[in-house]
Amino acid sequence: MFEVSGRIAPGETISIRSTLAPKRTFKLKVKDFEPPTRLSWGDAMGTRVYSLASNQQGGTRFSMSEMIGGPLFPLFARMIPPFDESFNQFAADLKKAAEESI
């Protein structure tokens, strides 16, 4: 899981701490926030997007994507841990919480 602090609104800066790197705090800008369907945040090297959409079965489809790159990215790439496990755990935790709230 991860911890988010700050105001989630376009142009605001938030702080995120992940269990993947608990001693590191990421300062990210909220790039887009369209409740209840879309949220994106990031920095000069990348953007993470969360989306919700209704499906034909009456449920909700959740998607999360991340684009990383930019001219300075090769200098930092080896310092960034893989987030696949963290992304999968986040999605599983979100699914469990959503199902428990029904």
PDB file of N, CA and C in Angstrom:
ATOM      1  N   MET A   1       0.845  -1.172   0.000  1.00  0.00           N
ATOM      2  CA  MET A   1       0.000   0.000   0.000  1.00  0.00           C
ATOM      3  C   MET A   1       0.892   1.238   0.000  1.00  0.00           C
ATOM      4  N   PHE A   2       0.298   2.383  -0.102  1.00  0.00           N
ATOM      5  CA  PHE A   2       1.079   3.603  -0.017  1.00  0.00           C
ATOM      6  C   PHE A   2       0.304   4.674   0.709  1.00  0.00           C
ATOM      7  N   GLU A   3       1.024   5.682   1.135  1.00  0.00           N
ATOM      8  CA  GLU A   3       0.457   6.791   1.905  1.00  0.00           C
ATOM      9  C   GLU A   3       0.524   8.055   1.060  1.00  0.00           C
ATOM     10  N   VAL A   4      -0.593   8.769   0.986  1.00  0.00           N
ATOM     11  CA  VAL A   4      -0.659  10.010   0.227  1.00  0.00           C
ATOM     12  C   VAL A   4      -1.019  11.131   1.174  1.00  0.00           C
ATOM     13  N   SER A   5      -0.292  12.255   1.083  1.00  0.00           N
ATOM     14  CA  SER A   5      -0.665  13.433   1.865  1.00  0.00           C
ATOM     15  C   SER A   5      -0.635  14.653   0.953  1.00  0.00           C
ATOM     16  N   GLY A   6      -1.487  15.597   1.267  1.00  0.00           N
ATOM     17  CA  GLY A   6      -1.605  16.800   0.449  1.00  0.00           C
ATOM     18  C   GLY A   6      -2.992  16.895  -0.154  1.00  0.00           C
ATOM     19  N   ARG A   7      -3.244  17.981  -0.823  1.00  0.00           N
ATOM     20  CA  ARG A   7      -4.554  18.246  -1.425  1.00  0.00           C
ATOM     21  C   ARG A   7      -4.575  17.716  -2.855  1.00  0.00           C
ATOM     22  N   ILE A   8      -5.528  16.837  -3.144  1.00  0.00           N
ATOM     23  CA  ILE A   8      -5.649  16.291  -4.498  1.00  0.00           C
ATOM     24  C   ILE A   8      -6.535  17.226  -5.305  1.00  0.00           C
ATOM     25  N   ALA A   9      -5.882  18.080  -6.089  1.00  0.00           N
ATOM     26  CA  ALA A   9      -6.544  19.039  -6.972  1.00  0.00           C
ATOM     27  C   ALA A   9      -5.535  19.413  -8.056  1.00  0.00           C
ATOM     28  N   PRO A  10      -6.018  19.703  -9.279  1.00  0.00           N
ATOM     29  CA  PRO A  10      -5.088  20.048 -10.356  1.00  0.00           C
ATOM     30  C   PRO A  10      -4.109  21.146  -9.955  1.00  0.00           C
ATOM     31  N   GLY A  11      -2.826  20.913 -10.234  1.00  0.00           N
ATOM     32  CA  GLY A  11      -1.776  21.879  -9.941  1.00  0.00           C
ATOM     33  C   GLY A  11      -1.193  21.784  -8.545  1.00  0.00           C
ATOM     34  N   GLU A  12      -1.835  21.045  -7.643  1.00  0.00           N
ATOM     35  CA  GLU A  12      -1.339  20.891  -6.272  1.00  0.00           C
ATOM     36  C   GLU A  12      -0.211  19.864  -6.227  1.00  0.00           C
ATOM     37  N   THR A  13       0.643  19.957  -5.213  1.00  0.00           N
ATOM     38  CA  THR A  13       1.713  18.988  -5.004  1.00  0.00           C
ATOM     39  C   THR A  13       1.319  18.078  -3.855  1.00  0.00           C
ATOM     40  N   ILE A  14       1.503  16.783  -4.059  1.00  0.00           N
ATOM     41  CA  ILE A  14       1.215  15.800  -3.027  1.00  0.00           C
ATOM     42  C   ILE A  14       2.500  15.036  -2.711  1.00  0.00           C
ATOM     43  N   SER A  15       2.514  14.408  -1.545  1.00  0.00           N
ATOM     44  CA  SER A  15       3.641  13.569  -1.135  1.00  0.00           C
ATOM     45  C   SER A  15       3.152  12.137  -1.052  1.00  0.00           C
ATOM     46  N   ILE A  16       3.951  11.224  -1.594  1.00  0.00           N
ATOM     47  CA  ILE A  16       3.592   9.807  -1.588  1.00  0.00           C
ATOM     48  C   ILE A  16       4.755   9.001  -1.030  1.00  0.00           C
ATOM     49  N   ARG A  17       4.405   8.058  -0.157  1.00  0.00           N
ATOM     50  CA  ARG A  17       5.388   7.118   0.368  1.00  0.00           C
ATOM     51  C   ARG A  17       4.864   5.712   0.100  1.00  0.00           C
ATOM     52  N   SER A  18       5.664   4.891  -0.544  1.00  0.00           N
ATOM     53  CA  SER A  18       5.274   3.538  -0.920  1.00  0.00           C
ATOM     54  C   SER A  18       5.939   2.527   0.002  1.00  0.00           C
ATOM     55  N   THR A  19       5.275   1.388   0.199  1.00  0.00           N
ATOM     56  CA  THR A  19       5.899   0.319   0.982  1.00  0.00           C
ATOM     57  C   THR A  19       7.107  -0.255   0.235  1.00  0.00           C
ATOM     58  N   LEU A  20       7.179   0.008  -1.063  1.00  0.00           N
ATOM     59  CA  LEU A  20       8.301  -0.461  -1.867  1.00  0.00           C
ATOM     60  C   LEU A  20       9.593   0.292  -1.527  1.00  0.00           C
ATOM     61  N   ALA A  21       9.451   1.576  -1.175  1.00  0.00           N
ATOM     62  CA  ALA A  21      10.599   2.411  -0.791  1.00  0.00           C
ATOM     63  C   ALA A  21      10.158   3.303   0.373  1.00  0.00           C
ATOM     64  N   PRO A  22       9.937   2.714   1.567  1.00  0.00           N
ATOM     65  CA  PRO A  22       9.334   3.447   2.686  1.00  0.00           C
ATOM     66  C   PRO A  22      10.148   4.627   3.216  1.00  0.00           C
ATOM     67  N   LYS A  23      11.438   4.659   2.953  1.00  0.00           N
ATOM     68  CA  LYS A  23      12.258   5.769   3.443  1.00  0.00           C
ATOM     69  C   LYS A  23      12.293   6.931   2.461  1.00  0.00           C
ATOM     70  N   ARG A  24      11.681   6.738   1.306  1.00  0.00           N
ATOM     71  CA  ARG A  24      11.702   7.765   0.269  1.00  0.00           C
ATOM     72  C   ARG A  24      10.308   8.375   0.101  1.00  0.00           C
ATOM     73  N   THR A  25      10.253   9.701   0.041  1.00  0.00           N
ATOM     74  CA  THR A  25       8.992  10.404  -0.203  1.00  0.00           C
ATOM     75  C   THR A  25       9.046  11.012  -1.590  1.00  0.00           C
ATOM     76  N   PHE A  26       8.035  10.715  -2.381  1.00  0.00           N
ATOM     77  CA  PHE A  26       7.940  11.250  -3.740  1.00  0.00           C
ATOM     78  C   PHE A  26       7.046  12.489  -3.710  1.00  0.00           C
ATOM     79  N   LYS A  27       7.531  13.601  -4.228  1.00  0.00           N
ATOM     80  CA  LYS A  27       6.755  14.836  -4.352  1.00  0.00           C
ATOM     81  C   LYS A  27       6.271  14.898  -5.797  1.00  0.00           C
ATOM     82  N   LEU A  28       4.960  14.858  -5.983  1.00  0.00           N
ATOM     83  CA  LEU A  28       4.385  14.789  -7.318  1.00  0.00           C
ATOM     84  C   LEU A  28       3.304  15.844  -7.508  1.00  0.00           C
ATOM     85  N   LYS A  29       3.146  16.286  -8.735  1.00  0.00           N
ATOM     86  CA  LYS A  29       2.131  17.278  -9.074  1.00  0.00           C
ATOM     87  C   LYS A  29       0.872  16.562  -9.567  1.00  0.00           C
ATOM     88  N   VAL A  30      -0.289  17.011  -9.073  1.00  0.00           N
ATOM     89  CA  VAL A  30      -1.553  16.490  -9.583  1.00  0.00           C
ATOM     90  C   VAL A  30      -1.774  17.143 -10.944  1.00  0.00           C
ATOM     91  N   LYS A  31      -1.758  16.330 -11.988  1.00  0.00           N
ATOM     92  CA  LYS A  31      -1.858  16.857 -13.349  1.00  0.00           C
ATOM     93  C   LYS A  31      -3.297  16.935 -13.834  1.00  0.00           C
ATOM     94  N   ASP A  32      -4.132  16.010 -13.371  1.00  0.00           N
ATOM     95  CA  ASP A  32      -5.514  15.955 -13.830  1.00  0.00           C
ATOM     96  C   ASP A  32      -6.351  15.299 -12.743  1.00  0.00           C
ATOM     97  N   PHE A  33      -7.533  15.841 -12.468  1.00  0.00           N
ATOM     98  CA  PHE A  33      -8.435  15.243 -11.493  1.00  0.00           C
ATOM     99  C   PHE A  33      -9.860  15.516 -11.932  1.00  0.00           C
ATOM    100  N   GLU A  34     -10.527  14.449 -12.363  1.00  0.00           N
ATOM    101  CA  GLU A  34     -11.905  14.537 -12.830  1.00  0.00           C
ATOM    102  C   GLU A  34     -12.739  13.520 -12.053  1.00  0.00           C
ATOM    103  N   PRO A  35     -13.141  13.880 -10.814  1.00  0.00           N
ATOM    104  CA  PRO A  35     -13.906  12.925 -10.007  1.00  0.00           C
ATOM    105  C   PRO A  35     -15.234  12.587 -10.693  1.00  0.00           C
ATOM    106  N   PRO A  36     -15.678  11.397 -10.700  1.00  0.00           N
ATOM    107  CA  PRO A  36     -15.092  10.225 -10.058  1.00  0.00           C
ATOM    108  C   PRO A  36     -14.363   9.311 -11.044  1.00  0.00           C
ATOM    109  N   THR A  37     -13.931   9.818 -12.192  1.00  0.00           N
ATOM    110  CA  THR A  37     -13.431   8.913 -13.225  1.00  0.00           C
ATOM    111  C   THR A  37     -11.933   8.930 -13.495  1.00  0.00           C
ATOM    112  N   ARG A  38     -11.228  10.003 -13.142  1.00  0.00           N
ATOM    113  CA  ARG A  38      -9.820  10.084 -13.570  1.00  0.00           C
ATOM    114  C   ARG A  38      -8.978  10.900 -12.586  1.00  0.00           C
ATOM    115  N   LEU A  39      -7.753  10.398 -12.368  1.00  0.00           N
ATOM    116  CA  LEU A  39      -6.758  11.095 -11.561  1.00  0.00           C
ATOM    117  C   LEU A  39      -5.394  10.800 -12.166  1.00  0.00           C
ATOM    118  N   SER A  40      -4.586  11.837 -12.353  1.00  0.00           N
ATOM    119  CA  SER A  40      -3.208  11.602 -12.782  1.00  0.00           C
ATOM    120  C   SER A  40      -2.279  12.504 -11.994  1.00  0.00           C
ATOM    121  N   TRP A  41      -1.109  11.963 -11.704  1.00  0.00           N
ATOM    122  CA  TRP A  41      -0.078  12.736 -11.016  1.00  0.00           C
ATOM    123  C   TRP A  41       1.271  12.314 -11.545  1.00  0.00           C
ATOM    124  N   GLY A  42       2.266  13.146 -11.315  1.00  0.00           N
ATOM    125  CA  GLY A  42       3.591  12.781 -11.771  1.00  0.00           C
ATOM    126  C   GLY A  42       4.593  13.892 -11.578  1.00  0.00           C
ATOM    127  N   ASP A  43       5.726  13.722 -12.250  1.00  0.00           N
ATOM    128  CA  ASP A  43       6.793  14.707 -12.206  1.00  0.00           C
ATOM    129  C   ASP A  43       7.338  14.866 -13.620  1.00  0.00           C
ATOM    130  N   ALA A  44       8.520  15.456 -13.752  1.00  0.00           N
ATOM    131  CA  ALA A  44       9.090  15.707 -15.076  1.00  0.00           C
ATOM    132  C   ALA A  44       9.425  14.418 -15.825  1.00  0.00           C
ATOM    133  N   MET A  45       9.562  13.307 -15.093  1.00  0.00           N
ATOM    134  CA  MET A  45       9.957  12.055 -15.743  1.00  0.00           C
ATOM    135  C   MET A  45       8.802  11.100 -16.004  1.00  0.00           C
ATOM    136  N   GLY A  46       7.614  11.378 -15.459  1.00  0.00           N
ATOM    137  CA  GLY A  46       6.542  10.425 -15.695  1.00  0.00           C
ATOM    138  C   GLY A  46       5.202  10.857 -15.152  1.00  0.00           C
ATOM    139  N   THR A  47       4.192  10.126 -15.566  1.00  0.00           N
ATOM    140  CA  THR A  47       2.818  10.369 -15.136  1.00  0.00           C
ATOM    141  C   THR A  47       2.134   9.037 -14.882  1.00  0.00           C
ATOM    142  N   ARG A  48       1.430   8.951 -13.758  1.00  0.00           N
ATOM    143  CA  ARG A  48       0.619   7.784 -13.439  1.00  0.00           C
ATOM    144  C   ARG A  48      -0.845   8.201 -13.550  1.00  0.00           C
ATOM    145  N   VAL A  49      -1.647   7.369 -14.212  1.00  0.00           N
ATOM    146  CA  VAL A  49      -3.052   7.671 -14.449  1.00  0.00           C
ATOM    147  C   VAL A  49      -3.916   6.565 -13.849  1.00  0.00           C
ATOM    148  N   TYR A  50      -4.926   6.958 -13.069  1.00  0.00           N
ATOM    149  CA  TYR A  50      -5.933   6.052 -12.516  1.00  0.00           C
ATOM    150  C   TYR A  50      -7.254   6.397 -13.190  1.00  0.00           C
ATOM    151  N   SER A  51      -7.975   5.381 -13.672  1.00  0.00           N
ATOM    152  CA  SER A  51      -9.251   5.616 -14.345  1.00  0.00           C
ATOM    153  C   SER A  51     -10.297   4.627 -13.864  1.00  0.00           C
ATOM    154  N   LEU A  52     -11.530   5.101 -13.769  1.00  0.00           N
ATOM    155  CA  LEU A  52     -12.679   4.264 -13.450  1.00  0.00           C
ATOM    156  C   LEU A  52     -13.701   4.432 -14.562  1.00  0.00           C
ATOM    157  N   ALA A  53     -14.325   3.334 -14.989  1.00  0.00           N
ATOM    158  CA  ALA A  53     -15.356   3.400 -16.022  1.00  0.00           C
ATOM    159  C   ALA A  53     -16.395   2.324 -15.748  1.00  0.00           C
ATOM    160  N   SER A  54     -17.647   2.624 -16.020  1.00  0.00           N
ATOM    161  CA  SER A  54     -18.724   1.637 -15.875  1.00  0.00           C
ATOM    162  C   SER A  54     -18.561   0.569 -16.944  1.00  0.00           C
ATOM    163  N   ASN A  55     -18.910  -0.676 -16.579  1.00  0.00           N
ATOM    164  CA  ASN A  55     -18.880  -1.745 -17.573  1.00  0.00           C
ATOM    165  C   ASN A  55     -20.298  -2.239 -17.859  1.00  0.00           C
ATOM    166  N   GLN A  56     -20.449  -3.117 -18.827  1.00  0.00           N
ATOM    167  CA  GLN A  56     -21.772  -3.580 -19.253  1.00  0.00           C
ATOM    168  C   GLN A  56     -22.451  -4.475 -18.225  1.00  0.00           C
ATOM    169  N   GLN A  57     -21.693  -4.995 -17.278  1.00  0.00           N
ATOM    170  CA  GLN A  57     -22.262  -5.861 -16.247  1.00  0.00           C
ATOM    171  C   GLN A  57     -22.760  -5.067 -15.036  1.00  0.00           C
ATOM    172  N   GLY A  58     -22.676  -3.750 -15.095  1.00  0.00           N
ATOM    173  CA  GLY A  58     -23.118  -2.915 -13.977  1.00  0.00           C
ATOM    174  C   GLY A  58     -22.035  -2.671 -12.946  1.00  0.00           C
ATOM    175  N   GLY A  59     -20.835  -3.101 -13.228  1.00  0.00           N
ATOM    176  CA  GLY A  59     -19.713  -2.904 -12.319  1.00  0.00           C
ATOM    177  C   GLY A  59     -18.835  -1.749 -12.770  1.00  0.00           C
ATOM    178  N   THR A  60     -17.672  -1.700 -12.211  1.00  0.00           N
ATOM    179  CA  THR A  60     -16.713  -0.638 -12.534  1.00  0.00           C
ATOM    180  C   THR A  60     -15.390  -1.255 -12.933  1.00  0.00           C
ATOM    181  N   ARG A  61     -14.825  -0.739 -14.012  1.00  0.00           N
ATOM    182  CA  ARG A  61     -13.503  -1.179 -14.461  1.00  0.00           C
ATOM    183  C   ARG A  61     -12.470  -0.162 -13.985  1.00  0.00           C
ATOM    184  N   PHE A  62     -11.446  -0.657 -13.308  1.00  0.00           N
ATOM    185  CA  PHE A  62     -10.342   0.165 -12.812  1.00  0.00           C
ATOM    186  C   PHE A  62      -9.131  -0.079 -13.696  1.00  0.00           C
ATOM    187  N   SER A  63      -8.457   0.997 -14.091  1.00  0.00           N
ATOM    188  CA  SER A  63      -7.193   0.832 -14.801  1.00  0.00           C
ATOM    189  C   SER A  63      -6.171   1.818 -14.247  1.00  0.00           C
ATOM    190  N   MET A  64      -4.931   1.386 -14.294  1.00  0.00           N
ATOM    191  CA  MET A  64      -3.826   2.198 -13.807  1.00  0.00           C
ATOM    192  C   MET A  64      -2.689   2.041 -14.809  1.00  0.00           C
ATOM    193  N   SER A  65      -2.131   3.164 -15.236  1.00  0.00           N
ATOM    194  CA  SER A  65      -1.007   3.100 -16.173  1.00  0.00           C
ATOM    195  C   SER A  65       0.042   4.121 -15.762  1.00  0.00           C
ATOM    196  N   GLU A  66       1.244   3.890 -16.227  1.00  0.00           N
ATOM    197  CA  GLU A  66       2.329   4.822 -15.918  1.00  0.00           C
ATOM    198  C   GLU A  66       3.232   4.953 -17.131  1.00  0.00           C
ATOM    199  N   MET A  67       3.523   6.184 -17.479  1.00  0.00           N
ATOM    200  CA  MET A  67       4.455   6.487 -18.569  1.00  0.00           C
ATOM    201  C   MET A  67       5.672   7.149 -17.950  1.00  0.00           C
ATOM    202  N   ILE A  68       6.847   6.577 -18.189  1.00  0.00           N
ATOM    203  CA  ILE A  68       8.091   7.127 -17.658  1.00  0.00           C
ATOM    204  C   ILE A  68       9.024   7.394 -18.827  1.00  0.00           C
ATOM    205  N   GLY A  69       9.734   8.507 -18.769  1.00  0.00           N
ATOM    206  CA  GLY A  69      10.672   8.817 -19.838  1.00  0.00           C
ATOM    207  C   GLY A  69      11.234  10.215 -19.692  1.00  0.00           C
ATOM    208  N   GLY A  70      11.643  10.792 -20.782  1.00  0.00           N
ATOM    209  CA  GLY A  70      12.226  12.123 -20.768  1.00  0.00           C
ATOM    210  C   GLY A  70      13.726  12.062 -20.948  1.00  0.00           C
ATOM    211  N   PRO A  71      14.336  13.194 -21.252  1.00  0.00           N
ATOM    212  CA  PRO A  71      15.771  13.213 -21.561  1.00  0.00           C
ATOM    213  C   PRO A  71      16.673  12.822 -20.389  1.00  0.00           C
ATOM    214  N   LEU A  72      16.243  13.041 -19.163  1.00  0.00           N
ATOM    215  CA  LEU A  72      17.078  12.706 -18.006  1.00  0.00           C
ATOM    216  C   LEU A  72      16.817  11.307 -17.457  1.00  0.00           C
ATOM    217  N   PHE A  73      15.788  10.647 -17.955  1.00  0.00           N
ATOM    218  CA  PHE A  73      15.418   9.345 -17.417  1.00  0.00           C
ATOM    219  C   PHE A  73      16.553   8.324 -17.400  1.00  0.00           C
ATOM    220  N   PRO A  74      17.359   8.209 -18.456  1.00  0.00           N
ATOM    221  CA  PRO A  74      18.445   7.216 -18.415  1.00  0.00           C
ATOM    222  C   PRO A  74      19.398   7.397 -17.223  1.00  0.00           C
ATOM    223  N   LEU A  75      19.537   8.608 -16.723  1.00  0.00           N
ATOM    224  CA  LEU A  75      20.423   8.846 -15.583  1.00  0.00           C
ATOM    225  C   LEU A  75      19.861   8.278 -14.282  1.00  0.00           C
ATOM    226  N   PHE A  76      18.528   8.171 -14.204  1.00  0.00           N
ATOM    227  CA  PHE A  76      17.872   7.734 -12.966  1.00  0.00           C
ATOM    228  C   PHE A  76      17.254   6.342 -13.067  1.00  0.00           C
ATOM    229  N   ALA A  77      17.174   5.768 -14.250  1.00  0.00           N
ATOM    230  CA  ALA A  77      16.450   4.511 -14.470  1.00  0.00           C
ATOM    231  C   ALA A  77      16.900   3.396 -13.532  1.00  0.00           C
ATOM    232  N   ARG A  78      18.191   3.268 -13.312  1.00  0.00           N
ATOM    233  CA  ARG A  78      18.684   2.169 -12.466  1.00  0.00           C
ATOM    234  C   ARG A  78      18.356   2.372 -10.994  1.00  0.00           C
ATOM    235  N   MET A  79      17.980   3.585 -10.599  1.00  0.00           N
ATOM    236  CA  MET A  79      17.648   3.884  -9.199  1.00  0.00           C
ATOM    237  C   MET A  79      16.166   3.650  -8.895  1.00  0.00           C
ATOM    238  N   ILE A  80      15.355   3.408  -9.916  1.00  0.00           N
ATOM    239  CA  ILE A  80      13.917   3.240  -9.733  1.00  0.00           C
ATOM    240  C   ILE A  80      13.607   1.750  -9.613  1.00  0.00           C
ATOM    241  N   PRO A  81      13.017   1.347  -8.479  1.00  0.00           N
ATOM    242  CA  PRO A  81      12.701  -0.074  -8.321  1.00  0.00           C
ATOM    243  C   PRO A  81      11.527  -0.463  -9.218  1.00  0.00           C
ATOM    244  N   PRO A  82      11.399  -1.752  -9.552  1.00  0.00           N
ATOM    245  CA  PRO A  82      10.240  -2.182 -10.329  1.00  0.00           C
ATOM    246  C   PRO A  82       8.976  -2.064  -9.466  1.00  0.00           C
ATOM    247  N   PHE A  83       7.913  -1.545 -10.053  1.00  0.00           N
ATOM    248  CA  PHE A  83       6.679  -1.312  -9.317  1.00  0.00           C
ATOM    249  C   PHE A  83       5.583  -2.326  -9.629  1.00  0.00           C
ATOM    250  N   ASP A  84       5.857  -3.345 -10.448  1.00  0.00           N
ATOM    251  CA  ASP A  84       4.824  -4.303 -10.834  1.00  0.00           C
ATOM    252  C   ASP A  84       4.141  -4.925  -9.618  1.00  0.00           C
ATOM    253  N   GLU A  85       4.927  -5.416  -8.669  1.00  0.00           N
ATOM    254  CA  GLU A  85       4.358  -6.051  -7.476  1.00  0.00           C
ATOM    255  C   GLU A  85       3.502  -5.058  -6.688  1.00  0.00           C
ATOM    256  N   SER A  86       3.995  -3.836  -6.556  1.00  0.00           N
ATOM    257  CA  SER A  86       3.260  -2.805  -5.836  1.00  0.00           C
ATOM    258  C   SER A  86       1.950  -2.462  -6.552  1.00  0.00           C
ATOM    259  N   PHE A  87       1.980  -2.344  -7.882  1.00  0.00           N
ATOM    260  CA  PHE A  87       0.771  -2.050  -8.662  1.00  0.00           C
ATOM    261  C   PHE A  87      -0.260  -3.171  -8.495  1.00  0.00           C
ATOM    262  N   ASN A  88       0.201  -4.416  -8.590  1.00  0.00           N
ATOM    263  CA  ASN A  88      -0.713  -5.545  -8.448  1.00  0.00           C
ATOM    264  C   ASN A  88      -1.328  -5.596  -7.055  1.00  0.00           C
ATOM    265  N   GLN A  89      -0.532  -5.314  -6.030  1.00  0.00           N
ATOM    266  CA  GLN A  89      -1.045  -5.324  -4.661  1.00  0.00           C
ATOM    267  C   GLN A  89      -2.047  -4.191  -4.464  1.00  0.00           C
ATOM    268  N   PHE A  90      -1.747  -3.003  -5.013  1.00  0.00           N
ATOM    269  CA  PHE A  90      -2.670  -1.869  -4.926  1.00  0.00           C
ATOM    270  C   PHE A  90      -4.016  -2.233  -5.556  1.00  0.00           C
ATOM    271  N   ALA A  91      -3.990  -2.818  -6.753  1.00  0.00           N
ATOM    272  CA  ALA A  91      -5.232  -3.186  -7.443  1.00  0.00           C
ATOM    273  C   ALA A  91      -6.002  -4.243  -6.648  1.00  0.00           C
ATOM    274  N   ALA A  92      -5.309  -5.215  -6.087  1.00  0.00           N
ATOM    275  CA  ALA A  92      -5.969  -6.253  -5.285  1.00  0.00           C
ATOM    276  C   ALA A  92      -6.589  -5.660  -4.022  1.00  0.00           C
ATOM    277  N   ASP A  93      -5.865  -4.767  -3.356  1.00  0.00           N
ATOM    278  CA  ASP A  93      -6.390  -4.122  -2.142  1.00  0.00           C
ATOM    279  C   ASP A  93      -7.606  -3.257  -2.468  1.00  0.00           C
ATOM    280  N   LEU A  94      -7.543  -2.528  -3.585  1.00  0.00           N
ATOM    281  CA  LEU A  94      -8.667  -1.689  -4.006  1.00  0.00           C
ATOM    282  C   LEU A  94      -9.890  -2.551  -4.312  1.00  0.00           C
ATOM    283  N   LYS A  95      -9.691  -3.646  -5.030  1.00  0.00           N
ATOM    284  CA  LYS A  95     -10.794  -4.554  -5.360  1.00  0.00           C
ATOM    285  C   LYS A  95     -11.430  -5.106  -4.081  1.00  0.00           C
ATOM    286  N   LYS A  96     -10.611  -5.534  -3.142  1.00  0.00           N
ATOM    287  CA  LYS A  96     -11.129  -6.080  -1.878  1.00  0.00           C
ATOM    288  C   LYS A  96     -11.928  -5.037  -1.118  1.00  0.00           C
ATOM    289  N   ALA A  97     -11.393  -3.825  -1.020  1.00  0.00           N
ATOM    290  CA  ALA A  97     -12.104  -2.759  -0.293  1.00  0.00           C
ATOM    291  C   ALA A  97     -13.428  -2.410  -0.973  1.00  0.00           C
ATOM    292  N   ALA A  98     -13.422  -2.369  -2.307  1.00  0.00           N
ATOM    293  CA  ALA A  98     -14.659  -2.060  -3.042  1.00  0.00           C
ATOM    294  C   ALA A  98     -15.698  -3.142  -2.841  1.00  0.00           C
ATOM    295  N   GLU A  99     -15.291  -4.399  -2.891  1.00  0.00           N
ATOM    296  CA  GLU A  99     -16.226  -5.505  -2.715  1.00  0.00           C
ATOM    297  C   GLU A  99     -16.769  -5.571  -1.299  1.00  0.00           C
ATOM    298  N   GLU A 100     -15.960  -5.194  -0.324  1.00  0.00           N
ATOM    299  CA  GLU A 100     -16.418  -5.206   1.075  1.00  0.00           C
ATOM    300  C   GLU A 100     -17.411  -4.097   1.363  1.00  0.00           C
ATOM    301  N   SER A 101     -17.369  -3.025   0.564  1.00  0.00           N
ATOM    302  CA  SER A 101     -18.252  -1.887   0.820  1.00  0.00           C
ATOM    303  C   SER A 101     -19.620  -2.024   0.150  1.00  0.00           C
ATOM    304  N   ILE A 102     -19.814  -3.093  -0.605  1.00  0.00           N
ATOM    305  CA  ILE A 102     -21.104  -3.306  -1.299  1.00  0.00           C
ATOM    306  C   ILE A 102     -22.148  -3.762  -0.319  1.00  0.00           C
TER     307      ILE A 102
END
